Amino acid sequence: MAWTWPTAAFFVFIGACLAGMAVWEHYSPGGSPRRGILGLDTTRGDRLFISLLGSAFIFLAWLGFFGTPMWGGLVLSIAYGFAVFRWV
């Protein structure tokens, strides 16, 4: 893997998400599971994992169909992440 600034930014973002979730859980403990439109009981961490995994597939699909630049994939991934945390 080539360690470029986008690669480093990706790993910094993942670390920031995990740190943010830890702080959120510290100040508002017990993010109890809730049932979303998929019928799954998910916690905050589950929704974070689902949104990150789905975003990876969105970026791969964007790269396969449209190539670079990846700004469209980023917009779709952010919208997908908000939707996952809201409705899943």
PDB file of N, CA and C in Angstrom:
ATOM      1  N   MET A   1       0.854  -1.166   0.000  1.00  0.00           N
ATOM      2  CA  MET A   1       0.000   0.000   0.000  1.00  0.00           C
ATOM      3  C   MET A   1       0.903   1.234   0.000  1.00  0.00           C
ATOM      4  N   ALA A   2       0.561   2.169  -0.822  1.00  0.00           N
ATOM      5  CA  ALA A   2       1.312   3.421  -0.882  1.00  0.00           C
ATOM      6  C   ALA A   2       0.820   4.349   0.226  1.00  0.00           C
ATOM      7  N   TRP A   3       1.747   4.818   1.054  1.00  0.00           N
ATOM      8  CA  TRP A   3       1.380   5.720   2.143  1.00  0.00           C
ATOM      9  C   TRP A   3       1.399   7.151   1.638  1.00  0.00           C
ATOM     10  N   THR A   4       0.262   7.553   1.110  1.00  0.00           N
ATOM     11  CA  THR A   4       0.088   8.911   0.631  1.00  0.00           C
ATOM     12  C   THR A   4      -0.744   9.678   1.658  1.00  0.00           C
ATOM     13  N   TRP A   5      -0.927  10.965   1.424  1.00  0.00           N
ATOM     14  CA  TRP A   5      -1.726  11.738   2.378  1.00  0.00           C
ATOM     15  C   TRP A   5      -3.177  11.273   2.422  1.00  0.00           C
ATOM     16  N   PRO A   6      -3.811  10.834   1.304  1.00  0.00           N
ATOM     17  CA  PRO A   6      -5.178  10.324   1.441  1.00  0.00           C
ATOM     18  C   PRO A   6      -5.246   9.038   2.272  1.00  0.00           C
ATOM     19  N   THR A   7      -4.220   8.187   2.153  1.00  0.00           N
ATOM     20  CA  THR A   7      -4.200   6.967   2.952  1.00  0.00           C
ATOM     21  C   THR A   7      -4.076   7.311   4.434  1.00  0.00           C
ATOM     22  N   ALA A   8      -3.183   8.224   4.752  1.00  0.00           N
ATOM     23  CA  ALA A   8      -3.019   8.652   6.144  1.00  0.00           C
ATOM     24  C   ALA A   8      -4.294   9.312   6.662  1.00  0.00           C
ATOM     25  N   ALA A   9      -4.935  10.122   5.841  1.00  0.00           N
ATOM     26  CA  ALA A   9      -6.179  10.779   6.243  1.00  0.00           C
ATOM     27  C   ALA A   9      -7.268   9.750   6.534  1.00  0.00           C
ATOM     28  N   PHE A  10      -7.297   8.681   5.746  1.00  0.00           N
ATOM     29  CA  PHE A  10      -8.276   7.618   5.969  1.00  0.00           C
ATOM     30  C   PHE A  10      -8.083   6.983   7.342  1.00  0.00           C
ATOM     31  N   PHE A  11      -6.862   6.628   7.679  1.00  0.00           N
ATOM     32  CA  PHE A  11      -6.617   5.993   8.965  1.00  0.00           C
ATOM     33  C   PHE A  11      -6.808   6.968  10.123  1.00  0.00           C
ATOM     34  N   VAL A  12      -6.488   8.223   9.935  1.00  0.00           N
ATOM     35  CA  VAL A  12      -6.757   9.233  10.966  1.00  0.00           C
ATOM     36  C   VAL A  12      -8.257   9.369  11.174  1.00  0.00           C
ATOM     37  N   PHE A  13      -9.023   9.339  10.097  1.00  0.00           N
ATOM     38  CA  PHE A  13     -10.480   9.426  10.195  1.00  0.00           C
ATOM     39  C   PHE A  13     -11.059   8.243  10.955  1.00  0.00           C
ATOM     40  N   ILE A  14     -10.590   7.039  10.673  1.00  0.00           N
ATOM     41  CA  ILE A  14     -11.073   5.853  11.381  1.00  0.00           C
ATOM     42  C   ILE A  14     -10.746   5.975  12.874  1.00  0.00           C
ATOM     43  N   GLY A  15      -9.530   6.391  13.185  1.00  0.00           N
ATOM     44  CA  GLY A  15      -9.151   6.593  14.590  1.00  0.00           C
ATOM     45  C   GLY A  15     -10.002   7.657  15.260  1.00  0.00           C
ATOM     46  N   ALA A  16     -10.284   8.742  14.540  1.00  0.00           N
ATOM     47  CA  ALA A  16     -11.120   9.809  15.094  1.00  0.00           C
ATOM     48  C   ALA A  16     -12.551   9.316  15.336  1.00  0.00           C
ATOM     49  N   CYS A  17     -13.061   8.483  14.445  1.00  0.00           N
ATOM     50  CA  CYS A  17     -14.403   7.910  14.644  1.00  0.00           C
ATOM     51  C   CYS A  17     -14.443   7.053  15.902  1.00  0.00           C
ATOM     52  N   LEU A  18     -13.439   6.207  16.074  1.00  0.00           N
ATOM     53  CA  LEU A  18     -13.395   5.354  17.259  1.00  0.00           C
ATOM     54  C   LEU A  18     -13.244   6.184  18.534  1.00  0.00           C
ATOM     55  N   ALA A  19     -12.392   7.207  18.494  1.00  0.00           N
ATOM     56  CA  ALA A  19     -12.218   8.074  19.661  1.00  0.00           C
ATOM     57  C   ALA A  19     -13.508   8.846  19.950  1.00  0.00           C
ATOM     58  N   GLY A  20     -14.161   9.329  18.904  1.00  0.00           N
ATOM     59  CA  GLY A  20     -15.427  10.037  19.079  1.00  0.00           C
ATOM     60  C   GLY A  20     -16.507   9.158  19.678  1.00  0.00           C
ATOM     61  N   MET A  21     -16.561   7.903  19.240  1.00  0.00           N
ATOM     62  CA  MET A  21     -17.542   6.973  19.806  1.00  0.00           C
ATOM     63  C   MET A  21     -17.237   6.688  21.270  1.00  0.00           C
ATOM     64  N   ALA A  22     -15.946   6.602  21.629  1.00  0.00           N
ATOM     65  CA  ALA A  22     -15.565   6.366  23.022  1.00  0.00           C
ATOM     66  C   ALA A  22     -15.971   7.543  23.901  1.00  0.00           C
ATOM     67  N   VAL A  23     -15.740   8.759  23.411  1.00  0.00           N
ATOM     68  CA  VAL A  23     -16.135   9.951  24.169  1.00  0.00           C
ATOM     69  C   VAL A  23     -17.648  10.021  24.295  1.00  0.00           C
ATOM     70  N   TRP A  24     -18.351   9.732  23.211  1.00  0.00           N
ATOM     71  CA  TRP A  24     -19.818   9.743  23.227  1.00  0.00           C
ATOM     72  C   TRP A  24     -20.345   8.744  24.259  1.00  0.00           C
ATOM     73  N   GLU A  25     -19.773   7.554  24.279  1.00  0.00           N
ATOM     74  CA  GLU A  25     -20.209   6.532  25.236  1.00  0.00           C
ATOM     75  C   GLU A  25     -19.866   6.947  26.668  1.00  0.00           C
ATOM     76  N   HIS A  26     -18.753   7.643  26.851  1.00  0.00           N
ATOM     77  CA  HIS A  26     -18.376   8.088  28.192  1.00  0.00           C
ATOM     78  C   HIS A  26     -19.369   9.115  28.739  1.00  0.00           C
ATOM     79  N   TYR A  27     -19.773  10.063  27.908  1.00  0.00           N
ATOM     80  CA  TYR A  27     -20.665  11.122  28.359  1.00  0.00           C
ATOM     81  C   TYR A  27     -22.142  10.753  28.284  1.00  0.00           C
ATOM     82  N   SER A  28     -22.485   9.795  27.443  1.00  0.00           N
ATOM     83  CA  SER A  28     -23.867   9.339  27.331  1.00  0.00           C
ATOM     84  C   SER A  28     -23.865   7.819  27.272  1.00  0.00           C
ATOM     85  N   PRO A  29     -23.651   7.174  28.431  1.00  0.00           N
ATOM     86  CA  PRO A  29     -23.495   5.719  28.421  1.00  0.00           C
ATOM     87  C   PRO A  29     -24.793   4.977  28.126  1.00  0.00           C
ATOM     88  N   GLY A  30     -24.599   3.752  27.707  1.00  0.00           N
ATOM     89  CA  GLY A  30     -25.737   2.856  27.541  1.00  0.00           C
ATOM     90  C   GLY A  30     -26.497   3.017  26.253  1.00  0.00           C
ATOM     91  N   GLY A  31     -25.836   3.408  25.189  1.00  0.00           N
ATOM     92  CA  GLY A  31     -26.522   3.515  23.904  1.00  0.00           C
ATOM     93  C   GLY A  31     -27.263   2.229  23.600  1.00  0.00           C
ATOM     94  N   SER A  32     -28.445   2.105  24.161  1.00  0.00           N
ATOM     95  CA  SER A  32     -29.191   0.851  24.082  1.00  0.00           C
ATOM     96  C   SER A  32     -29.521   0.502  22.633  1.00  0.00           C
ATOM     97  N   PRO A  33     -29.575  -0.786  22.343  1.00  0.00           N
ATOM     98  CA  PRO A  33     -29.898  -1.199  20.977  1.00  0.00           C
ATOM     99  C   PRO A  33     -31.281  -0.707  20.558  1.00  0.00           C
ATOM    100  N   ARG A  34     -31.399  -0.432  19.295  1.00  0.00           N
ATOM    101  CA  ARG A  34     -32.711  -0.067  18.753  1.00  0.00           C
ATOM    102  C   ARG A  34     -32.936  -0.834  17.461  1.00  0.00           C
ATOM    103  N   ARG A  35     -34.185  -1.040  17.151  1.00  0.00           N
ATOM    104  CA  ARG A  35     -34.558  -1.793  15.954  1.00  0.00           C
ATOM    105  C   ARG A  35     -34.831  -0.809  14.831  1.00  0.00           C
ATOM    106  N   GLY A  36     -34.103  -0.992  13.731  1.00  0.00           N
ATOM    107  CA  GLY A  36     -34.244  -0.090  12.593  1.00  0.00           C
ATOM    108  C   GLY A  36     -35.078  -0.687  11.479  1.00  0.00           C
ATOM    109  N   ILE A  37     -34.991  -0.088  10.302  1.00  0.00           N
ATOM    110  CA  ILE A  37     -35.802  -0.527   9.172  1.00  0.00           C
ATOM    111  C   ILE A  37     -35.368  -1.888   8.648  1.00  0.00           C
ATOM    112  N   LEU A  38     -34.133  -2.302   8.941  1.00  0.00           N
ATOM    113  CA  LEU A  38     -33.677  -3.620   8.507  1.00  0.00           C
ATOM    114  C   LEU A  38     -34.132  -4.730   9.448  1.00  0.00           C
ATOM    115  N   GLY A  39     -34.713  -4.363  10.579  1.00  0.00           N
ATOM    116  CA  GLY A  39     -35.159  -5.351  11.546  1.00  0.00           C
ATOM    117  C   GLY A  39     -34.047  -5.869  12.431  1.00  0.00           C
ATOM    118  N   LEU A  40     -32.909  -5.187  12.431  1.00  0.00           N
ATOM    119  CA  LEU A  40     -31.785  -5.578  13.258  1.00  0.00           C
ATOM    120  C   LEU A  40     -31.746  -4.734  14.520  1.00  0.00           C
ATOM    121  N   ASP A  41     -31.354  -5.340  15.623  1.00  0.00           N
ATOM    122  CA  ASP A  41     -31.084  -4.568  16.831  1.00  0.00           C
ATOM    123  C   ASP A  41     -29.635  -4.110  16.752  1.00  0.00           C
ATOM    124  N   THR A  42     -29.417  -2.804  16.655  1.00  0.00           N
ATOM    125  CA  THR A  42     -28.065  -2.281  16.503  1.00  0.00           C
ATOM    126  C   THR A  42     -27.751  -1.263  17.593  1.00  0.00           C
ATOM    127  N   THR A  43     -26.484  -1.247  17.992  1.00  0.00           N
ATOM    128  CA  THR A  43     -25.985  -0.246  18.926  1.00  0.00           C
ATOM    129  C   THR A  43     -25.231   0.808  18.123  1.00  0.00           C
ATOM    130  N   ARG A  44     -24.708   1.808  18.803  1.00  0.00           N
ATOM    131  CA  ARG A  44     -23.944   2.858  18.116  1.00  0.00           C
ATOM    132  C   ARG A  44     -22.745   2.275  17.383  1.00  0.00           C
ATOM    133  N   GLY A  45     -22.033   1.373  18.041  1.00  0.00           N
ATOM    134  CA  GLY A  45     -20.861   0.757  17.420  1.00  0.00           C
ATOM    135  C   GLY A  45     -21.224  -0.067  16.201  1.00  0.00           C
ATOM    136  N   ASP A  46     -22.345  -0.773  16.260  1.00  0.00           N
ATOM    137  CA  ASP A  46     -22.806  -1.543  15.106  1.00  0.00           C
ATOM    138  C   ASP A  46     -23.106  -0.623  13.930  1.00  0.00           C
ATOM    139  N   ARG A  47     -23.766   0.488  14.230  1.00  0.00           N
ATOM    140  CA  ARG A  47     -24.103   1.428  13.163  1.00  0.00           C
ATOM    141  C   ARG A  47     -22.855   2.073  12.575  1.00  0.00           C
ATOM    142  N   LEU A  48     -21.842   2.334  13.411  1.00  0.00           N
ATOM    143  CA  LEU A  48     -20.577   2.857  12.896  1.00  0.00           C
ATOM    144  C   LEU A  48     -19.932   1.838  11.958  1.00  0.00           C
ATOM    145  N   PHE A  49     -19.891   0.580  12.370  1.00  0.00           N
ATOM    146  CA  PHE A  49     -19.301  -0.458  11.532  1.00  0.00           C
ATOM    147  C   PHE A  49     -20.049  -0.603  10.214  1.00  0.00           C
ATOM    148  N   ILE A  50     -21.378  -0.626  10.263  1.00  0.00           N
ATOM    149  CA  ILE A  50     -22.182  -0.749   9.049  1.00  0.00           C
ATOM    150  C   ILE A  50     -21.933   0.434   8.115  1.00  0.00           C
ATOM    151  N   SER A  51     -21.852   1.642   8.676  1.00  0.00           N
ATOM    152  CA  SER A  51     -21.637   2.816   7.828  1.00  0.00           C
ATOM    153  C   SER A  51     -20.237   2.820   7.220  1.00  0.00           C
ATOM    154  N   LEU A  52     -19.209   2.406   7.979  1.00  0.00           N
ATOM    155  CA  LEU A  52     -17.859   2.360   7.420  1.00  0.00           C
ATOM    156  C   LEU A  52     -17.724   1.282   6.356  1.00  0.00           C
ATOM    157  N   LEU A  53     -18.311   0.116   6.595  1.00  0.00           N
ATOM    158  CA  LEU A  53     -18.250  -0.958   5.614  1.00  0.00           C
ATOM    159  C   LEU A  53     -18.999  -0.584   4.342  1.00  0.00           C
ATOM    160  N   GLY A  54     -20.190  -0.014   4.500  1.00  0.00           N
ATOM    161  CA  GLY A  54     -20.956   0.417   3.330  1.00  0.00           C
ATOM    162  C   GLY A  54     -20.254   1.515   2.556  1.00  0.00           C
ATOM    163  N   SER A  55     -19.607   2.425   3.275  1.00  0.00           N
ATOM    164  CA  SER A  55     -18.881   3.501   2.610  1.00  0.00           C
ATOM    165  C   SER A  55     -17.714   2.964   1.797  1.00  0.00           C
ATOM    166  N   ALA A  56     -17.055   1.921   2.307  1.00  0.00           N
ATOM    167  CA  ALA A  56     -15.968   1.314   1.540  1.00  0.00           C
ATOM    168  C   ALA A  56     -16.489   0.764   0.218  1.00  0.00           C
ATOM    169  N   PHE A  57     -17.633   0.110   0.242  1.00  0.00           N
ATOM    170  CA  PHE A  57     -18.211  -0.410  -0.994  1.00  0.00           C
ATOM    171  C   PHE A  57     -18.674   0.702  -1.925  1.00  0.00           C
ATOM    172  N   ILE A  58     -19.189   1.785  -1.364  1.00  0.00           N
ATOM    173  CA  ILE A  58     -19.586   2.926  -2.191  1.00  0.00           C
ATOM    174  C   ILE A  58     -18.370   3.496  -2.912  1.00  0.00           C
ATOM    175  N   PHE A  59     -17.262   3.673  -2.191  1.00  0.00           N
ATOM    176  CA  PHE A  59     -16.048   4.195  -2.807  1.00  0.00           C
ATOM    177  C   PHE A  59     -15.510   3.244  -3.881  1.00  0.00           C
ATOM    178  N   LEU A  60     -15.537   1.945  -3.616  1.00  0.00           N
ATOM    179  CA  LEU A  60     -15.056   0.984  -4.622  1.00  0.00           C
ATOM    180  C   LEU A  60     -15.932   1.013  -5.872  1.00  0.00           C
ATOM    181  N   ALA A  61     -17.242   1.096  -5.674  1.00  0.00           N
ATOM    182  CA  ALA A  61     -18.144   1.168  -6.823  1.00  0.00           C
ATOM    183  C   ALA A  61     -17.928   2.463  -7.596  1.00  0.00           C
ATOM    184  N   TRP A  62     -17.764   3.570  -6.883  1.00  0.00           N
ATOM    185  CA  TRP A  62     -17.521   4.854  -7.555  1.00  0.00           C
ATOM    186  C   TRP A  62     -16.242   4.785  -8.379  1.00  0.00           C
ATOM    187  N   LEU A  63     -15.206   4.229  -7.785  1.00  0.00           N
ATOM    188  CA  LEU A  63     -13.925   4.115  -8.473  1.00  0.00           C
ATOM    189  C   LEU A  63     -14.049   3.219  -9.700  1.00  0.00           C
ATOM    190  N   GLY A  64     -14.806   2.139  -9.578  1.00  0.00           N
ATOM    191  CA  GLY A  64     -14.981   1.230 -10.711  1.00  0.00           C
ATOM    192  C   GLY A  64     -15.794   1.823 -11.842  1.00  0.00           C
ATOM    193  N   PHE A  65     -16.832   2.582 -11.518  1.00  0.00           N
ATOM    194  CA  PHE A  65     -17.712   3.118 -12.557  1.00  0.00           C
ATOM    195  C   PHE A  65     -17.256   4.468 -13.101  1.00  0.00           C
ATOM    196  N   PHE A  66     -16.742   5.332 -12.229  1.00  0.00           N
ATOM    197  CA  PHE A  66     -16.445   6.695 -12.642  1.00  0.00           C
ATOM    198  C   PHE A  66     -14.976   7.082 -12.554  1.00  0.00           C
ATOM    199  N   GLY A  67     -14.194   6.328 -11.806  1.00  0.00           N
ATOM    200  CA  GLY A  67     -12.783   6.673 -11.644  1.00  0.00           C
ATOM    201  C   GLY A  67     -12.602   7.849 -10.711  1.00  0.00           C
ATOM    202  N   THR A  68     -11.505   8.552 -10.922  1.00  0.00           N
ATOM    203  CA  THR A  68     -11.244   9.714 -10.078  1.00  0.00           C
ATOM    204  C   THR A  68     -11.776  10.964 -10.757  1.00  0.00           C
ATOM    205  N   PRO A  69     -12.051  12.024 -10.063  1.00  0.00           N
ATOM    206  CA  PRO A  69     -11.968  12.281  -8.630  1.00  0.00           C
ATOM    207  C   PRO A  69     -13.100  11.581  -7.870  1.00  0.00           C
ATOM    208  N   MET A  70     -12.895  11.428  -6.582  1.00  0.00           N
ATOM    209  CA  MET A  70     -13.787  10.633  -5.747  1.00  0.00           C
ATOM    210  C   MET A  70     -14.778  11.470  -4.940  1.00  0.00           C
ATOM    211  N   TRP A  71     -14.961  12.731  -5.281  1.00  0.00           N
ATOM    212  CA  TRP A  71     -15.833  13.602  -4.496  1.00  0.00           C
ATOM    213  C   TRP A  71     -17.274  13.119  -4.480  1.00  0.00           C
ATOM    214  N   GLY A  72     -17.737  12.569  -5.574  1.00  0.00           N
ATOM    215  CA  GLY A  72     -19.105  12.047  -5.609  1.00  0.00           C
ATOM    216  C   GLY A  72     -19.284  10.880  -4.659  1.00  0.00           C
ATOM    217  N   GLY A  73     -18.291   9.999  -4.609  1.00  0.00           N
ATOM    218  CA  GLY A  73     -18.340   8.888  -3.668  1.00  0.00           C
ATOM    219  C   GLY A  73     -18.331   9.364  -2.230  1.00  0.00           C
ATOM    220  N   LEU A  74     -17.587  10.437  -1.961  1.00  0.00           N
ATOM    221  CA  LEU A  74     -17.548  10.997  -0.615  1.00  0.00           C
ATOM    222  C   LEU A  74     -18.915  11.539  -0.211  1.00  0.00           C
ATOM    223  N   VAL A  75     -19.563  12.245  -1.109  1.00  0.00           N
ATOM    224  CA  VAL A  75     -20.894  12.798  -0.814  1.00  0.00           C
ATOM    225  C   VAL A  75     -21.881  11.664  -0.558  1.00  0.00           C
ATOM    226  N   LEU A  76     -21.850  10.630  -1.394  1.00  0.00           N
ATOM    227  CA  LEU A  76     -22.745   9.487  -1.200  1.00  0.00           C
ATOM    228  C   LEU A  76     -22.450   8.771   0.115  1.00  0.00           C
ATOM    229  N   SER A  77     -21.192   8.633   0.468  1.00  0.00           N
ATOM    230  CA  SER A  77     -20.821   7.947   1.704  1.00  0.00           C
ATOM    231  C   SER A  77     -21.271   8.722   2.935  1.00  0.00           C
ATOM    232  N   ILE A  78     -21.140  10.026   2.906  1.00  0.00           N
ATOM    233  CA  ILE A  78     -21.595  10.841   4.028  1.00  0.00           C
ATOM    234  C   ILE A  78     -23.111  10.744   4.177  1.00  0.00           C
ATOM    235  N   ALA A  79     -23.829  10.824   3.068  1.00  0.00           N
ATOM    236  CA  ALA A  79     -25.282  10.687   3.116  1.00  0.00           C
ATOM    237  C   ALA A  79     -25.681   9.303   3.631  1.00  0.00           C
ATOM    238  N   TYR A  80     -24.968   8.272   3.184  1.00  0.00           N
ATOM    239  CA  TYR A  80     -25.231   6.912   3.638  1.00  0.00           C
ATOM    240  C   TYR A  80     -24.972   6.789   5.140  1.00  0.00           C
ATOM    241  N   GLY A  81     -23.888   7.375   5.623  1.00  0.00           N
ATOM    242  CA  GLY A  81     -23.581   7.330   7.050  1.00  0.00           C
ATOM    243  C   GLY A  81     -24.656   7.996   7.896  1.00  0.00           C
ATOM    244  N   PHE A  82     -25.132   9.163   7.456  1.00  0.00           N
ATOM    245  CA  PHE A  82     -26.219   9.821   8.182  1.00  0.00           C
ATOM    246  C   PHE A  82     -27.478   8.958   8.177  1.00  0.00           C
ATOM    247  N   ALA A  83     -27.780   8.339   7.043  1.00  0.00           N
ATOM    248  CA  ALA A  83     -28.967   7.487   6.952  1.00  0.00           C
ATOM    249  C   ALA A  83     -28.847   6.272   7.875  1.00  0.00           C
ATOM    250  N   VAL A  84     -27.670   5.679   7.931  1.00  0.00           N
ATOM    251  CA  VAL A  84     -27.477   4.517   8.808  1.00  0.00           C
ATOM    252  C   VAL A  84     -27.673   4.914  10.263  1.00  0.00           C
ATOM    253  N   PHE A  85     -27.103   6.023  10.689  1.00  0.00           N
ATOM    254  CA  PHE A  85     -27.247   6.415  12.082  1.00  0.00           C
ATOM    255  C   PHE A  85     -28.663   6.876  12.401  1.00  0.00           C
ATOM    256  N   ARG A  86     -29.383   7.321  11.410  1.00  0.00           N
ATOM    257  CA  ARG A  86     -30.745   7.796  11.646  1.00  0.00           C
ATOM    258  C   ARG A  86     -31.779   6.668  11.632  1.00  0.00           C
ATOM    259  N   TRP A  87     -31.681   5.784  10.617  1.00  0.00           N
ATOM    260  CA  TRP A  87     -32.766   4.815  10.418  1.00  0.00           C
ATOM    261  C   TRP A  87     -32.384   3.357  10.634  1.00  0.00           C
ATOM    262  N   VAL A  88     -31.127   3.018  10.685  1.00  0.00           N
ATOM    263  CA  VAL A  88     -30.770   1.597  10.851  1.00  0.00           C
ATOM    264  C   VAL A  88     -30.568   1.359  12.275  1.00  0.00           C
TER     265      VAL A  88
END
